[in-house]
Protein backbone atom coordinates (compact mmCIF):
# COMPACT_ATOMS: atom_id res chain seq x y z
CA MET A 1 41.88 -85.14 60.25
CA PHE A 2 42.36 -81.72 62.31
CA ASP A 3 41.45 -80.13 59.72
CA ASP A 4 38.23 -81.25 59.50
CA ASP A 5 37.67 -79.97 63.12
CA PRO A 6 35.52 -76.48 62.87
CA ASN A 7 36.13 -76.44 66.66
CA ALA A 8 39.77 -77.30 66.63
CA SER A 9 42.24 -74.48 68.36
CA PRO A 10 44.13 -72.83 65.95
CA LEU A 11 47.12 -72.95 67.95
CA ARG A 12 46.96 -76.70 67.86
CA ARG A 13 46.45 -76.63 63.99
CA PRO A 14 49.37 -78.89 62.09
CA VAL A 15 51.52 -75.57 60.87
CA LEU A 16 51.84 -75.92 57.41
CA THR A 17 56.32 -76.24 56.74
CA HIS A 18 57.49 -72.70 56.31
CA ASP A 19 59.88 -73.84 53.36
CA LEU A 20 57.10 -74.67 51.15
CA MET A 21 55.39 -72.22 51.00
CA SER A 22 55.78 -69.09 48.52
CA ILE A 23 56.93 -65.44 49.81
CA ASP A 24 52.96 -64.46 48.41
CA GLU A 25 51.74 -66.69 50.66
CA LEU A 26 53.70 -66.17 53.72
CA GLU A 27 52.61 -62.11 53.33
CA ALA A 28 49.04 -63.29 52.79
CA LYS A 29 49.66 -65.83 56.26
CA ILE A 30 51.75 -62.65 58.19
CA ALA A 31 48.42 -59.67 57.10
CA ALA A 32 45.44 -62.51 58.26
CA LEU A 33 47.62 -62.75 61.44
CA LYS A 34 47.54 -59.36 61.61
CA GLY A 35 44.08 -59.18 61.02
CA GLU A 36 44.01 -61.33 63.46
CA ILE A 37 45.58 -59.53 66.54
CA GLU A 38 43.92 -56.90 65.63
CA ALA A 39 40.64 -58.19 66.05
CA CYS A 40 41.57 -59.49 69.53
CA GLU A 41 43.43 -56.62 70.56
CA GLN A 42 39.35 -54.96 69.92
CA MET A 43 38.06 -57.36 71.46
CA ILE A 44 40.25 -56.80 74.79
CA ALA A 45 39.49 -53.10 74.76
CA ALA A 46 36.14 -53.62 74.55
CA LYS A 47 35.64 -56.35 76.88
CA GLN A 48 37.80 -54.04 79.70
CA LYS A 49 35.42 -51.76 79.02
CA GLN A 50 32.59 -53.63 79.90
CA ARG A 51 35.09 -54.73 83.38
CA ALA A 52 35.04 -51.10 84.42
CA VAL A 53 31.99 -50.14 83.91
CA ALA A 54 30.92 -53.12 86.18
CA ASP A 55 33.39 -52.03 88.64
CA ALA A 56 32.27 -48.72 88.54
CA ILE A 57 28.31 -50.42 89.02
CA PHE A 58 29.79 -53.04 92.12
CA GLY A 59 32.57 -51.54 93.23
CA GLY A 60 36.06 -53.37 93.61
CA LYS A 61 37.85 -55.69 90.91
CA ALA A 62 35.75 -58.29 88.66
CA GLY A 63 37.66 -61.00 87.61
């Protein structure tokens, strides 16, 4: 199934029915998602710094 594919996009994986999840499970899911968001924001910041360095060296706006 889809869960067996480690390369499957997390956005395309089947979503568990939230109605069937306990409060603790929902809170754990929220915490995990917040952690993923924070990791993405940190990666964006790092990439923006890299882009700024490249722009400073090569001039212009890197795409």
